[in-house]
Amino acid sequence: MLFRRRPWTRKFADAFRGLSRAVRSQSSFLVHILVAAAVVGVAAVLRVSPVEWCLLVGAIAAVVAAEVFNSAVEALARAFGPSRNPRIRDALDMASAAVLVAACGAVVVGCIVFGPRLLALVGG
C-alpha cells in the first residue's frame, strides 16, 4: 500500500485535531490547565529567570504530552470494545503511570524553582 505524503499544513491540522480530541475527552486536562495557569501566574509574579521559565514550561509540556499519550492509549483500548483484557488494562495503567511520573517531576521542578522564593517571602 502506498502512502501519500501529507503537506505540513495537514500534519499540523491533524495534530491540533488530536490535541483538541484529547482535551475534550479527558476531564483531567482541566486540572492540568488550571495548575499550569497557576504556575505561569506565580512565575510571573516571582519574576523567575529565563532558565527557570524553560524548566517550568518543559515540565508543563511533559505533563500535557503524557496526558495526550494516555488519552491516545485509552482511545485505542476503547476501539477494542468493553472486554476485560488484562494486557489492555496493563497498558492503560502504564499510560496513567506516565502521567503520574510527569506530574511528580513537574512538582519537583516547581519546588526547586519556587521553594526558595516562597520561603524568602514568608521569612524563612
PDB file of N, CA and C in Angstrom:
ATOM      1  N   MET A   1       0.849  -1.181   0.000  1.00  0.00           N
ATOM      2  CA  MET A   1       0.000   0.000   0.000  1.00  0.00           C
ATOM      3  C   MET A   1       0.889   1.238   0.000  1.00  0.00           C
ATOM      4  N   LEU A   2       0.620   2.141  -0.887  1.00  0.00           N
ATOM      5  CA  LEU A   2       1.386   3.377  -0.962  1.00  0.00           C
ATOM      6  C   LEU A   2       0.717   4.455  -0.122  1.00  0.00           C
ATOM      7  N   PHE A   3       1.546   5.213   0.564  1.00  0.00           N
ATOM      8  CA  PHE A   3       1.036   6.305   1.379  1.00  0.00           C
ATOM      9  C   PHE A   3       1.323   7.616   0.663  1.00  0.00           C
ATOM     10  N   ARG A   4       0.327   8.455   0.620  1.00  0.00           N
ATOM     11  CA  ARG A   4       0.540   9.786   0.054  1.00  0.00           C
ATOM     12  C   ARG A   4       1.189  10.672   1.097  1.00  0.00           C
ATOM     13  N   ARG A   5       2.074  11.508   0.643  1.00  0.00           N
ATOM     14  CA  ARG A   5       2.720  12.453   1.558  1.00  0.00           C
ATOM     15  C   ARG A   5       1.732  13.556   1.886  1.00  0.00           C
ATOM     16  N   ARG A   6       1.620  13.818   3.169  1.00  0.00           N
ATOM     17  CA  ARG A   6       0.725  14.892   3.603  1.00  0.00           C
ATOM     18  C   ARG A   6       1.495  16.202   3.656  1.00  0.00           C
ATOM     19  N   PRO A   7       0.869  17.284   3.232  1.00  0.00           N
ATOM     20  CA  PRO A   7       1.541  18.581   3.370  1.00  0.00           C
ATOM     21  C   PRO A   7       1.626  18.972   4.849  1.00  0.00           C
ATOM     22  N   TRP A   8       2.568  19.849   5.161  1.00  0.00           N
ATOM     23  CA  TRP A   8       2.771  20.268   6.549  1.00  0.00           C
ATOM     24  C   TRP A   8       1.509  20.866   7.149  1.00  0.00           C
ATOM     25  N   THR A   9       0.757  21.601   6.357  1.00  0.00           N
ATOM     26  CA  THR A   9      -0.477  22.195   6.895  1.00  0.00           C
ATOM     27  C   THR A   9      -1.434  21.109   7.370  1.00  0.00           C
ATOM     28  N   ARG A  10      -1.506  20.009   6.625  1.00  0.00           N
ATOM     29  CA  ARG A  10      -2.380  18.891   7.011  1.00  0.00           C
ATOM     30  C   ARG A  10      -1.857  18.207   8.275  1.00  0.00           C
ATOM     31  N   LYS A  11      -0.528  18.068   8.361  1.00  0.00           N
ATOM     32  CA  LYS A  11       0.066  17.450   9.549  1.00  0.00           C
ATOM     33  C   LYS A  11      -0.246  18.273  10.795  1.00  0.00           C
ATOM     34  N   PHE A  12      -0.093  19.588  10.691  1.00  0.00           N
ATOM     35  CA  PHE A  12      -0.396  20.439  11.843  1.00  0.00           C
ATOM     36  C   PHE A  12      -1.882  20.411  12.171  1.00  0.00           C
ATOM     37  N   ALA A  13      -2.725  20.428  11.143  1.00  0.00           N
ATOM     38  CA  ALA A  13      -4.172  20.369  11.379  1.00  0.00           C
ATOM     39  C   ALA A  13      -4.543  19.075  12.097  1.00  0.00           C
ATOM     40  N   ASP A  14      -3.949  17.961  11.669  1.00  0.00           N
ATOM     41  CA  ASP A  14      -4.219  16.671  12.318  1.00  0.00           C
ATOM     42  C   ASP A  14      -3.735  16.678  13.770  1.00  0.00           C
ATOM     43  N   ALA A  15      -2.557  17.267  14.004  1.00  0.00           N
ATOM     44  CA  ALA A  15      -2.022  17.325  15.368  1.00  0.00           C
ATOM     45  C   ALA A  15      -2.928  18.168  16.264  1.00  0.00           C
ATOM     46  N   PHE A  16      -3.392  19.314  15.765  1.00  0.00           N
ATOM     47  CA  PHE A  16      -4.286  20.147  16.571  1.00  0.00           C
ATOM     48  C   PHE A  16      -5.634  19.472  16.796  1.00  0.00           C
ATOM     49  N   ARG A  17      -6.105  18.702  15.811  1.00  0.00           N
ATOM     50  CA  ARG A  17      -7.334  17.930  15.997  1.00  0.00           C
ATOM     51  C   ARG A  17      -7.137  16.891  17.104  1.00  0.00           C
ATOM     52  N   GLY A  18      -5.972  16.239  17.092  1.00  0.00           N
ATOM     53  CA  GLY A  18      -5.676  15.255  18.134  1.00  0.00           C
ATOM     54  C   GLY A  18      -5.611  15.888  19.509  1.00  0.00           C
ATOM     55  N   LEU A  19      -4.980  17.051  19.606  1.00  0.00           N
ATOM     56  CA  LEU A  19      -4.914  17.752  20.889  1.00  0.00           C
ATOM     57  C   LEU A  19      -6.312  18.147  21.355  1.00  0.00           C
ATOM     58  N   SER A  20      -7.104  18.665  20.437  1.00  0.00           N
ATOM     59  CA  SER A  20      -8.477  19.045  20.777  1.00  0.00           C
ATOM     60  C   SER A  20      -9.282  17.840  21.253  1.00  0.00           C
ATOM     61  N   ARG A  21      -9.139  16.720  20.569  1.00  0.00           N
ATOM     62  CA  ARG A  21      -9.836  15.486  20.960  1.00  0.00           C
ATOM     63  C   ARG A  21      -9.426  15.044  22.363  1.00  0.00           C
ATOM     64  N   ALA A  22      -8.119  15.103  22.627  1.00  0.00           N
ATOM     65  CA  ALA A  22      -7.622  14.682  23.936  1.00  0.00           C
ATOM     66  C   ALA A  22      -8.171  15.596  25.029  1.00  0.00           C
ATOM     67  N   VAL A  23      -8.152  16.892  24.788  1.00  0.00           N
ATOM     68  CA  VAL A  23      -8.634  17.846  25.795  1.00  0.00           C
ATOM     69  C   VAL A  23     -10.126  17.641  26.058  1.00  0.00           C
ATOM     70  N   ARG A  24     -10.889  17.429  24.986  1.00  0.00           N
ATOM     71  CA  ARG A  24     -12.337  17.268  25.147  1.00  0.00           C
ATOM     72  C   ARG A  24     -12.723  15.921  25.749  1.00  0.00           C
ATOM     73  N   SER A  25     -11.866  14.913  25.596  1.00  0.00           N
ATOM     74  CA  SER A  25     -12.245  13.578  26.071  1.00  0.00           C
ATOM     75  C   SER A  25     -11.752  13.276  27.485  1.00  0.00           C
ATOM     76  N   GLN A  26     -10.903  14.115  28.032  1.00  0.00           N
ATOM     77  CA  GLN A  26     -10.330  13.831  29.351  1.00  0.00           C
ATOM     78  C   GLN A  26     -10.603  14.977  30.325  1.00  0.00           C
ATOM     79  N   SER A  27     -11.348  14.686  31.369  1.00  0.00           N
ATOM     80  CA  SER A  27     -11.651  15.719  32.360  1.00  0.00           C
ATOM     81  C   SER A  27     -10.413  16.152  33.131  1.00  0.00           C
ATOM     82  N   SER A  28      -9.395  15.297  33.197  1.00  0.00           N
ATOM     83  CA  SER A  28      -8.188  15.649  33.937  1.00  0.00           C
ATOM     84  C   SER A  28      -7.407  16.772  33.260  1.00  0.00           C
ATOM     85  N   PHE A  29      -7.668  17.023  31.977  1.00  0.00           N
ATOM     86  CA  PHE A  29      -6.993  18.135  31.311  1.00  0.00           C
ATOM     87  C   PHE A  29      -7.336  19.458  31.967  1.00  0.00           C
ATOM     88  N   LEU A  30      -8.561  19.602  32.443  1.00  0.00           N
ATOM     89  CA  LEU A  30      -8.948  20.845  33.108  1.00  0.00           C
ATOM     90  C   LEU A  30      -8.055  21.094  34.316  1.00  0.00           C
ATOM     91  N   VAL A  31      -7.787  20.061  35.097  1.00  0.00           N
ATOM     92  CA  VAL A  31      -6.908  20.196  36.258  1.00  0.00           C
ATOM     93  C   VAL A  31      -5.506  20.604  35.807  1.00  0.00           C
ATOM     94  N   HIS A  32      -4.989  19.947  34.778  1.00  0.00           N
ATOM     95  CA  HIS A  32      -3.644  20.273  34.292  1.00  0.00           C
ATOM     96  C   HIS A  32      -3.572  21.714  33.789  1.00  0.00           C
ATOM     97  N   ILE A  33      -4.598  22.161  33.080  1.00  0.00           N
ATOM     98  CA  ILE A  33      -4.613  23.523  32.547  1.00  0.00           C
ATOM     99  C   ILE A  33      -4.692  24.539  33.683  1.00  0.00           C
ATOM    100  N   LEU A  34      -5.515  24.272  34.684  1.00  0.00           N
ATOM    101  CA  LEU A  34      -5.627  25.193  35.820  1.00  0.00           C
ATOM    102  C   LEU A  34      -4.314  25.279  36.595  1.00  0.00           C
ATOM    103  N   VAL A  35      -3.682  24.146  36.825  1.00  0.00           N
ATOM    104  CA  VAL A  35      -2.396  24.141  37.534  1.00  0.00           C
ATOM    105  C   VAL A  35      -1.335  24.858  36.698  1.00  0.00           C
ATOM    106  N   ALA A  36      -1.320  24.596  35.398  1.00  0.00           N
ATOM    107  CA  ALA A  36      -0.346  25.259  34.523  1.00  0.00           C
ATOM    108  C   ALA A  36      -0.547  26.774  34.543  1.00  0.00           C
ATOM    109  N   ALA A  37      -1.787  27.215  34.508  1.00  0.00           N
ATOM    110  CA  ALA A  37      -2.071  28.654  34.568  1.00  0.00           C
ATOM    111  C   ALA A  37      -1.593  29.243  35.890  1.00  0.00           C
ATOM    112  N   ALA A  38      -1.818  28.524  36.984  1.00  0.00           N
ATOM    113  CA  ALA A  38      -1.354  28.995  38.295  1.00  0.00           C
ATOM    114  C   ALA A  38       0.172  29.077  38.326  1.00  0.00           C
ATOM    115  N   VAL A  39       0.836  28.089  37.762  1.00  0.00           N
ATOM    116  CA  VAL A  39       2.306  28.088  37.725  1.00  0.00           C
ATOM    117  C   VAL A  39       2.807  29.286  36.927  1.00  0.00           C
ATOM    118  N   VAL A  40       2.204  29.531  35.782  1.00  0.00           N
ATOM    119  CA  VAL A  40       2.612  30.673  34.962  1.00  0.00           C
ATOM    120  C   VAL A  40       2.377  31.980  35.719  1.00  0.00           C
ATOM    121  N   GLY A  41       1.242  32.090  36.401  1.00  0.00           N
ATOM    122  CA  GLY A  41       0.961  33.294  37.181  1.00  0.00           C
ATOM    123  C   GLY A  41       1.960  33.510  38.305  1.00  0.00           C
ATOM    124  N   VAL A  42       2.254  32.461  39.056  1.00  0.00           N
ATOM    125  CA  VAL A  42       3.222  32.568  40.154  1.00  0.00           C
ATOM    126  C   VAL A  42       4.609  32.892  39.613  1.00  0.00           C
ATOM    127  N   ALA A  43       4.978  32.259  38.498  1.00  0.00           N
ATOM    128  CA  ALA A  43       6.285  32.520  37.891  1.00  0.00           C
ATOM    129  C   ALA A  43       6.406  33.980  37.464  1.00  0.00           C
ATOM    130  N   ALA A  44       5.329  34.534  36.928  1.00  0.00           N
ATOM    131  CA  ALA A  44       5.348  35.937  36.515  1.00  0.00           C
ATOM    132  C   ALA A  44       5.476  36.861  37.721  1.00  0.00           C
ATOM    133  N   VAL A  45       4.716  36.571  38.769  1.00  0.00           N
ATOM    134  CA  VAL A  45       4.767  37.404  39.986  1.00  0.00           C
ATOM    135  C   VAL A  45       6.140  37.326  40.639  1.00  0.00           C
ATOM    136  N   LEU A  46       6.706  36.132  40.683  1.00  0.00           N
ATOM    137  CA  LEU A  46       8.012  35.950  41.329  1.00  0.00           C
ATOM    138  C   LEU A  46       9.184  36.303  40.412  1.00  0.00           C
ATOM    139  N   ARG A  47       8.889  36.651  39.171  1.00  0.00           N
ATOM    140  CA  ARG A  47       9.896  37.078  38.196  1.00  0.00           C
ATOM    141  C   ARG A  47      11.045  36.070  38.081  1.00  0.00           C
ATOM    142  N   VAL A  48      10.684  34.862  37.690  1.00  0.00           N
ATOM    143  CA  VAL A  48      11.695  33.819  37.548  1.00  0.00           C
ATOM    144  C   VAL A  48      12.606  34.129  36.363  1.00  0.00           C
ATOM    145  N   SER A  49      13.780  33.539  36.374  1.00  0.00           N
ATOM    146  CA  SER A  49      14.774  33.764  35.317  1.00  0.00           C
ATOM    147  C   SER A  49      14.362  33.046  34.033  1.00  0.00           C
ATOM    148  N   PRO A  50      14.981  33.414  32.911  1.00  0.00           N
ATOM    149  CA  PRO A  50      14.675  32.698  31.660  1.00  0.00           C
ATOM    150  C   PRO A  50      14.936  31.194  31.740  1.00  0.00           C
ATOM    151  N   VAL A  51      15.988  30.794  32.419  1.00  0.00           N
ATOM    152  CA  VAL A  51      16.265  29.357  32.565  1.00  0.00           C
ATOM    153  C   VAL A  51      15.162  28.687  33.391  1.00  0.00           C
ATOM    154  N   GLU A  52      14.723  29.348  34.439  1.00  0.00           N
ATOM    155  CA  GLU A  52      13.632  28.791  35.258  1.00  0.00           C
ATOM    156  C   GLU A  52      12.335  28.717  34.457  1.00  0.00           C
ATOM    157  N   TRP A  53      12.078  29.718  33.609  1.00  0.00           N
ATOM    158  CA  TRP A  53      10.911  29.654  32.727  1.00  0.00           C
ATOM    159  C   TRP A  53      10.996  28.412  31.844  1.00  0.00           C
ATOM    160  N   CYS A  54      12.183  28.158  31.308  1.00  0.00           N
ATOM    161  CA  CYS A  54      12.359  26.984  30.448  1.00  0.00           C
ATOM    162  C   CYS A  54      12.065  25.694  31.209  1.00  0.00           C
ATOM    163  N   LEU A  55      12.537  25.613  32.448  1.00  0.00           N
ATOM    164  CA  LEU A  55      12.276  24.421  33.262  1.00  0.00           C
ATOM    165  C   LEU A  55      10.778  24.263  33.532  1.00  0.00           C
ATOM    166  N   LEU A  56      10.119  25.347  33.878  1.00  0.00           N
ATOM    167  CA  LEU A  56       8.684  25.287  34.178  1.00  0.00           C
ATOM    168  C   LEU A  56       7.874  24.932  32.934  1.00  0.00           C
ATOM    169  N   VAL A  57       8.179  25.582  31.812  1.00  0.00           N
ATOM    170  CA  VAL A  57       7.460  25.283  30.572  1.00  0.00           C
ATOM    171  C   VAL A  57       7.727  23.842  30.137  1.00  0.00           C
ATOM    172  N   GLY A  58       8.954  23.383  30.286  1.00  0.00           N
ATOM    173  CA  GLY A  58       9.266  21.992  29.954  1.00  0.00           C
ATOM    174  C   GLY A  58       8.494  21.009  30.813  1.00  0.00           C
ATOM    175  N   ALA A  59       8.382  21.320  32.096  1.00  0.00           N
ATOM    176  CA  ALA A  59       7.626  20.443  32.997  1.00  0.00           C
ATOM    177  C   ALA A  59       6.142  20.429  32.632  1.00  0.00           C
ATOM    178  N   ILE A  60       5.602  21.601  32.331  1.00  0.00           N
ATOM    179  CA  ILE A  60       4.194  21.676  31.921  1.00  0.00           C
ATOM    180  C   ILE A  60       3.981  20.889  30.631  1.00  0.00           C
ATOM    181  N   ALA A  61       4.876  21.078  29.667  1.00  0.00           N
ATOM    182  CA  ALA A  61       4.756  20.374  28.383  1.00  0.00           C
ATOM    183  C   ALA A  61       4.852  18.857  28.575  1.00  0.00           C
ATOM    184  N   ALA A  62       5.724  18.422  29.475  1.00  0.00           N
ATOM    185  CA  ALA A  62       5.868  16.978  29.721  1.00  0.00           C
ATOM    186  C   ALA A  62       4.576  16.389  30.277  1.00  0.00           C
ATOM    187  N   VAL A  63       3.936  17.107  31.190  1.00  0.00           N
ATOM    188  CA  VAL A  63       2.679  16.610  31.772  1.00  0.00           C
ATOM    189  C   VAL A  63       1.589  16.565  30.706  1.00  0.00           C
ATOM    190  N   VAL A  64       1.467  17.638  29.919  1.00  0.00           N
ATOM    191  CA  VAL A  64       0.437  17.673  28.881  1.00  0.00           C
ATOM    192  C   VAL A  64       0.703  16.587  27.833  1.00  0.00           C
ATOM    193  N   ALA A  65       1.961  16.415  27.426  1.00  0.00           N
ATOM    194  CA  ALA A  65       2.289  15.374  26.450  1.00  0.00           C
ATOM    195  C   ALA A  65       1.966  13.987  26.999  1.00  0.00           C
ATOM    196  N   ALA A  66       2.298  13.743  28.259  1.00  0.00           N
ATOM    197  CA  ALA A  66       1.984  12.446  28.862  1.00  0.00           C
ATOM    198  C   ALA A  66       0.476  12.219  28.889  1.00  0.00           C
ATOM    199  N   GLU A  67      -0.271  13.266  29.182  1.00  0.00           N
ATOM    200  CA  GLU A  67      -1.735  13.145  29.212  1.00  0.00           C
ATOM    201  C   GLU A  67      -2.284  12.871  27.811  1.00  0.00           C
ATOM    202  N   VAL A  68      -1.702  13.484  26.787  1.00  0.00           N
ATOM    203  CA  VAL A  68      -2.139  13.220  25.410  1.00  0.00           C
ATOM    204  C   VAL A  68      -1.844  11.769  25.038  1.00  0.00           C
ATOM    205  N   PHE A  69      -0.644  11.276  25.381  1.00  0.00           N
ATOM    206  CA  PHE A  69      -0.325   9.861  25.114  1.00  0.00           C
ATOM    207  C   PHE A  69      -1.288   8.945  25.869  1.00  0.00           C
ATOM    208  N   ASN A  70      -1.577   9.278  27.105  1.00  0.00           N
ATOM    209  CA  ASN A  70      -2.525   8.483  27.886  1.00  0.00           C
ATOM    210  C   ASN A  70      -3.891   8.465  27.202  1.00  0.00           C
ATOM    211  N   SER A  71      -4.324   9.614  26.715  1.00  0.00           N
ATOM    212  CA  SER A  71      -5.610   9.696  26.014  1.00  0.00           C
ATOM    213  C   SER A  71      -5.592   8.847  24.753  1.00  0.00           C
ATOM    214  N   ALA A  72      -4.464   8.829  24.041  1.00  0.00           N
ATOM    215  CA  ALA A  72      -4.357   8.018  22.827  1.00  0.00           C
ATOM    216  C   ALA A  72      -4.462   6.535  23.151  1.00  0.00           C
ATOM    217  N   VAL A  73      -3.790   6.105  24.205  1.00  0.00           N
ATOM    218  CA  VAL A  73      -3.862   4.697  24.612  1.00  0.00           C
ATOM    219  C   VAL A  73      -5.290   4.340  25.013  1.00  0.00           C
ATOM    220  N   GLU A  74      -5.961   5.241  25.738  1.00  0.00           N
ATOM    221  CA  GLU A  74      -7.350   4.989  26.131  1.00  0.00           C
ATOM    222  C   GLU A  74      -8.255   4.888  24.907  1.00  0.00           C
ATOM    223  N   ALA A  75      -8.039   5.755  23.913  1.00  0.00           N
ATOM    224  CA  ALA A  75      -8.851   5.699  22.693  1.00  0.00           C
ATOM    225  C   ALA A  75      -8.639   4.370  21.958  1.00  0.00           C
ATOM    226  N   LEU A  76      -7.388   3.927  21.884  1.00  0.00           N
ATOM    227  CA  LEU A  76      -7.124   2.629  21.252  1.00  0.00           C
ATOM    228  C   LEU A  76      -7.783   1.491  22.025  1.00  0.00           C
ATOM    229  N   ALA A  77      -7.723   1.553  23.342  1.00  0.00           N
ATOM    230  CA  ALA A  77      -8.332   0.500  24.154  1.00  0.00           C
ATOM    231  C   ALA A  77      -9.843   0.458  23.932  1.00  0.00           C
ATOM    232  N   ARG A  78     -10.475   1.624  23.837  1.00  0.00           N
ATOM    233  CA  ARG A  78     -11.919   1.667  23.597  1.00  0.00           C
ATOM    234  C   ARG A  78     -12.269   1.096  22.223  1.00  0.00           C
ATOM    235  N   ALA A  79     -11.345   1.201  21.274  1.00  0.00           N
ATOM    236  CA  ALA A  79     -11.600   0.665  19.932  1.00  0.00           C
ATOM    237  C   ALA A  79     -11.741  -0.851  19.951  1.00  0.00           C
ATOM    238  N   PHE A  80     -11.177  -1.501  20.947  1.00  0.00           N
ATOM    239  CA  PHE A  80     -11.268  -2.952  21.060  1.00  0.00           C
ATOM    240  C   PHE A  80     -12.510  -3.398  21.813  1.00  0.00           C
ATOM    241  N   GLY A  81     -13.314  -2.453  22.248  1.00  0.00           N
ATOM    242  CA  GLY A  81     -14.564  -2.786  22.907  1.00  0.00           C
ATOM    243  C   GLY A  81     -14.420  -2.881  24.410  1.00  0.00           C
ATOM    244  N   PRO A  82     -15.492  -3.249  25.063  1.00  0.00           N
ATOM    245  CA  PRO A  82     -15.522  -3.245  26.528  1.00  0.00           C
ATOM    246  C   PRO A  82     -14.940  -4.495  27.183  1.00  0.00           C
ATOM    247  N   SER A  83     -14.269  -5.337  26.416  1.00  0.00           N
ATOM    248  CA  SER A  83     -13.755  -6.580  27.000  1.00  0.00           C
ATOM    249  C   SER A  83     -12.732  -6.292  28.091  1.00  0.00           C
ATOM    250  N   ARG A  84     -12.602  -7.208  29.013  1.00  0.00           N
ATOM    251  CA  ARG A  84     -11.691  -7.067  30.156  1.00  0.00           C
ATOM    252  C   ARG A  84     -10.393  -7.817  29.885  1.00  0.00           C
ATOM    253  N   ASN A  85      -9.592  -7.290  28.999  1.00  0.00           N
ATOM    254  CA  ASN A  85      -8.333  -7.919  28.651  1.00  0.00           C
ATOM    255  C   ASN A  85      -7.252  -7.427  29.601  1.00  0.00           C
ATOM    256  N   PRO A  86      -6.553  -8.326  30.297  1.00  0.00           N
ATOM    257  CA  PRO A  86      -5.535  -7.880  31.252  1.00  0.00           C
ATOM    258  C   PRO A  86      -4.385  -7.115  30.602  1.00  0.00           C
ATOM    259  N   ARG A  87      -4.069  -7.409  29.362  1.00  0.00           N
ATOM    260  CA  ARG A  87      -2.989  -6.678  28.689  1.00  0.00           C
ATOM    261  C   ARG A  87      -3.411  -5.242  28.381  1.00  0.00           C
ATOM    262  N   ILE A  88      -4.659  -5.065  27.997  1.00  0.00           N
ATOM    263  CA  ILE A  88      -5.159  -3.706  27.766  1.00  0.00           C
ATOM    264  C   ILE A  88      -5.194  -2.948  29.082  1.00  0.00           C
ATOM    265  N   ARG A  89      -5.646  -3.621  30.146  1.00  0.00           N
ATOM    266  CA  ARG A  89      -5.647  -2.983  31.468  1.00  0.00           C
ATOM    267  C   ARG A  89      -4.238  -2.555  31.860  1.00  0.00           C
ATOM    268  N   ASP A  90      -3.258  -3.418  31.632  1.00  0.00           N
ATOM    269  CA  ASP A  90      -1.870  -3.089  31.955  1.00  0.00           C
ATOM    270  C   ASP A  90      -1.390  -1.883  31.149  1.00  0.00           C
ATOM    271  N   ALA A  91      -1.717  -1.854  29.853  1.00  0.00           N
ATOM    272  CA  ALA A  91      -1.309  -0.723  29.006  1.00  0.00           C
ATOM    273  C   ALA A  91      -1.941   0.577  29.498  1.00  0.00           C
ATOM    274  N   LEU A  92      -3.212   0.517  29.877  1.00  0.00           N
ATOM    275  CA  LEU A  92      -3.895   1.707  30.406  1.00  0.00           C
ATOM    276  C   LEU A  92      -3.255   2.161  31.716  1.00  0.00           C
ATOM    277  N   ASP A  93      -2.935   1.205  32.579  1.00  0.00           N
ATOM    278  CA  ASP A  93      -2.307   1.553  33.860  1.00  0.00           C
ATOM    279  C   ASP A  93      -0.922   2.161  33.658  1.00  0.00           C
ATOM    280  N   MET A  94      -0.168   1.623  32.698  1.00  0.00           N
ATOM    281  CA  MET A  94       1.167   2.168  32.428  1.00  0.00           C
ATOM    282  C   MET A  94       1.072   3.574  31.838  1.00  0.00           C
ATOM    283  N   ALA A  95       0.098   3.798  30.972  1.00  0.00           N
ATOM    284  CA  ALA A  95      -0.085   5.132  30.404  1.00  0.00           C
ATOM    285  C   ALA A  95      -0.459   6.129  31.503  1.00  0.00           C
ATOM    286  N   SER A  96      -1.310   5.694  32.425  1.00  0.00           N
ATOM    287  CA  SER A  96      -1.650   6.559  33.566  1.00  0.00           C
ATOM    288  C   SER A  96      -0.434   6.809  34.445  1.00  0.00           C
ATOM    289  N   ALA A  97       0.397   5.800  34.597  1.00  0.00           N
ATOM    290  CA  ALA A  97       1.618   5.959  35.393  1.00  0.00           C
ATOM    291  C   ALA A  97       2.550   6.987  34.757  1.00  0.00           C
ATOM    292  N   ALA A  98       2.577   7.047  33.435  1.00  0.00           N
ATOM    293  CA  ALA A  98       3.411   8.043  32.755  1.00  0.00           C
ATOM    294  C   ALA A  98       2.963   9.456  33.119  1.00  0.00           C
ATOM    295  N   VAL A  99       1.667   9.660  33.199  1.00  0.00           N
ATOM    296  CA  VAL A  99       1.149  10.972  33.608  1.00  0.00           C
ATOM    297  C   VAL A  99       1.559  11.258  35.047  1.00  0.00           C
ATOM    298  N   LEU A 100       1.451  10.257  35.909  1.00  0.00           N
ATOM    299  CA  LEU A 100       1.835  10.426  37.309  1.00  0.00           C
ATOM    300  C   LEU A 100       3.318  10.777  37.444  1.00  0.00           C
ATOM    301  N   VAL A 101       4.168  10.073  36.703  1.00  0.00           N
ATOM    302  CA  VAL A 101       5.610  10.349  36.753  1.00  0.00           C
ATOM    303  C   VAL A 101       5.899  11.766  36.277  1.00  0.00           C
ATOM    304  N   ALA A 102       5.277  12.173  35.171  1.00  0.00           N
ATOM    305  CA  ALA A 102       5.494  13.526  34.648  1.00  0.00           C
ATOM    306  C   ALA A 102       5.001  14.571  35.638  1.00  0.00           C
ATOM    307  N   ALA A 103       3.845  14.328  36.244  1.00  0.00           N
ATOM    308  CA  ALA A 103       3.300  15.286  37.209  1.00  0.00           C
ATOM    309  C   ALA A 103       4.189  15.384  38.451  1.00  0.00           C
ATOM    310  N   CYS A 104       4.697  14.260  38.930  1.00  0.00           N
ATOM    311  CA  CYS A 104       5.600  14.287  40.091  1.00  0.00           C
ATOM    312  C   CYS A 104       6.889  15.035  39.743  1.00  0.00           C
ATOM    313  N   GLY A 105       7.407  14.811  38.553  1.00  0.00           N
ATOM    314  CA  GLY A 105       8.589  15.552  38.112  1.00  0.00           C
ATOM    315  C   GLY A 105       8.316  17.042  38.042  1.00  0.00           C
ATOM    316  N   ALA A 106       7.134  17.405  37.566  1.00  0.00           N
ATOM    317  CA  ALA A 106       6.766  18.816  37.488  1.00  0.00           C
ATOM    318  C   ALA A 106       6.664  19.438  38.881  1.00  0.00           C
ATOM    319  N   VAL A 107       6.157  18.686  39.830  1.00  0.00           N
ATOM    320  CA  VAL A 107       6.082  19.186  41.210  1.00  0.00           C
ATOM    321  C   VAL A 107       7.487  19.433  41.754  1.00  0.00           C
ATOM    322  N   VAL A 108       8.399  18.535  41.489  1.00  0.00           N
ATOM    323  CA  VAL A 108       9.788  18.711  41.942  1.00  0.00           C
ATOM    324  C   VAL A 108      10.396  19.965  41.319  1.00  0.00           C
ATOM    325  N   VAL A 109      10.198  20.141  40.008  1.00  0.00           N
ATOM    326  CA  VAL A 109      10.706  21.349  39.344  1.00  0.00           C
ATOM    327  C   VAL A 109      10.102  22.588  39.988  1.00  0.00           C
ATOM    328  N   GLY A 110       8.795  22.557  40.226  1.00  0.00           N
ATOM    329  CA  GLY A 110       8.134  23.699  40.868  1.00  0.00           C
ATOM    330  C   GLY A 110       8.700  23.992  42.248  1.00  0.00           C
ATOM    331  N   CYS A 111       8.958  22.964  43.019  1.00  0.00           N
ATOM    332  CA  CYS A 111       9.536  23.159  44.360  1.00  0.00           C
ATOM    333  C   CYS A 111      10.942  23.749  44.280  1.00  0.00           C
ATOM    334  N   ILE A 112      11.719  23.279  43.318  1.00  0.00           N
ATOM    335  CA  ILE A 112      13.090  23.799  43.170  1.00  0.00           C
ATOM    336  C   ILE A 112      13.067  25.262  42.734  1.00  0.00           C
ATOM    337  N   VAL A 113      12.189  25.589  41.799  1.00  0.00           N
ATOM    338  CA  VAL A 113      12.135  26.963  41.287  1.00  0.00           C
ATOM    339  C   VAL A 113      11.462  27.907  42.288  1.00  0.00           C
ATOM    340  N   PHE A 114      10.316  27.507  42.834  1.00  0.00           N
ATOM    341  CA  PHE A 114       9.544  28.405  43.688  1.00  0.00           C
ATOM    342  C   PHE A 114       9.915  28.339  45.151  1.00  0.00           C
ATOM    343  N   GLY A 115      10.411  27.181  45.591  1.00  0.00           N
ATOM    344  CA  GLY A 115      10.671  26.978  47.015  1.00  0.00           C
ATOM    345  C   GLY A 115      11.486  28.075  47.678  1.00  0.00           C
ATOM    346  N   PRO A 116      12.686  28.356  47.200  1.00  0.00           N
ATOM    347  CA  PRO A 116      13.491  29.396  47.856  1.00  0.00           C
ATOM    348  C   PRO A 116      12.822  30.761  47.861  1.00  0.00           C
ATOM    349  N   ARG A 117      12.144  31.115  46.781  1.00  0.00           N
ATOM    350  CA  ARG A 117      11.478  32.416  46.715  1.00  0.00           C
ATOM    351  C   ARG A 117      10.315  32.501  47.695  1.00  0.00           C
ATOM    352  N   LEU A 118       9.535  31.425  47.748  1.00  0.00           N
ATOM    353  CA  LEU A 118       8.379  31.422  48.652  1.00  0.00           C
ATOM    354  C   LEU A 118       8.835  31.414  50.114  1.00  0.00           C
ATOM    355  N   LEU A 119       9.912  30.676  50.413  1.00  0.00           N
ATOM    356  CA  LEU A 119      10.458  30.698  51.773  1.00  0.00           C
ATOM    357  C   LEU A 119      10.933  32.093  52.160  1.00  0.00           C
ATOM    358  N   ALA A 120      11.574  32.779  51.211  1.00  0.00           N
ATOM    359  CA  ALA A 120      12.044  34.137  51.480  1.00  0.00           C
ATOM    360  C   ALA A 120      10.873  35.087  51.725  1.00  0.00           C
ATOM    361  N   LEU A 121       9.761  34.863  51.026  1.00  0.00           N
ATOM    362  CA  LEU A 121       8.584  35.721  51.208  1.00  0.00           C
ATOM    363  C   LEU A 121       7.943  35.575  52.580  1.00  0.00           C
ATOM    364  N   VAL A 122       7.970  34.334  53.083  1.00  0.00           N
ATOM    365  CA  VAL A 122       7.351  34.105  54.400  1.00  0.00           C
ATOM    366  C   VAL A 122       8.349  34.274  55.543  1.00  0.00           C
ATOM    367  N   GLY A 123       9.567  34.680  55.207  1.00  0.00           N
ATOM    368  CA  GLY A 123      10.544  34.958  56.241  1.00  0.00           C
ATOM    369  C   GLY A 123      11.385  33.783  56.672  1.00  0.00           C
ATOM    370  N   GLY A 124      11.482  32.766  55.820  1.00  0.00           N
ATOM    371  CA  GLY A 124      12.232  31.553  56.179  1.00  0.00           C
ATOM    372  C   GLY A 124      13.656  31.559  55.787  1.00  0.00           C
TER     373      GLY A 124
END
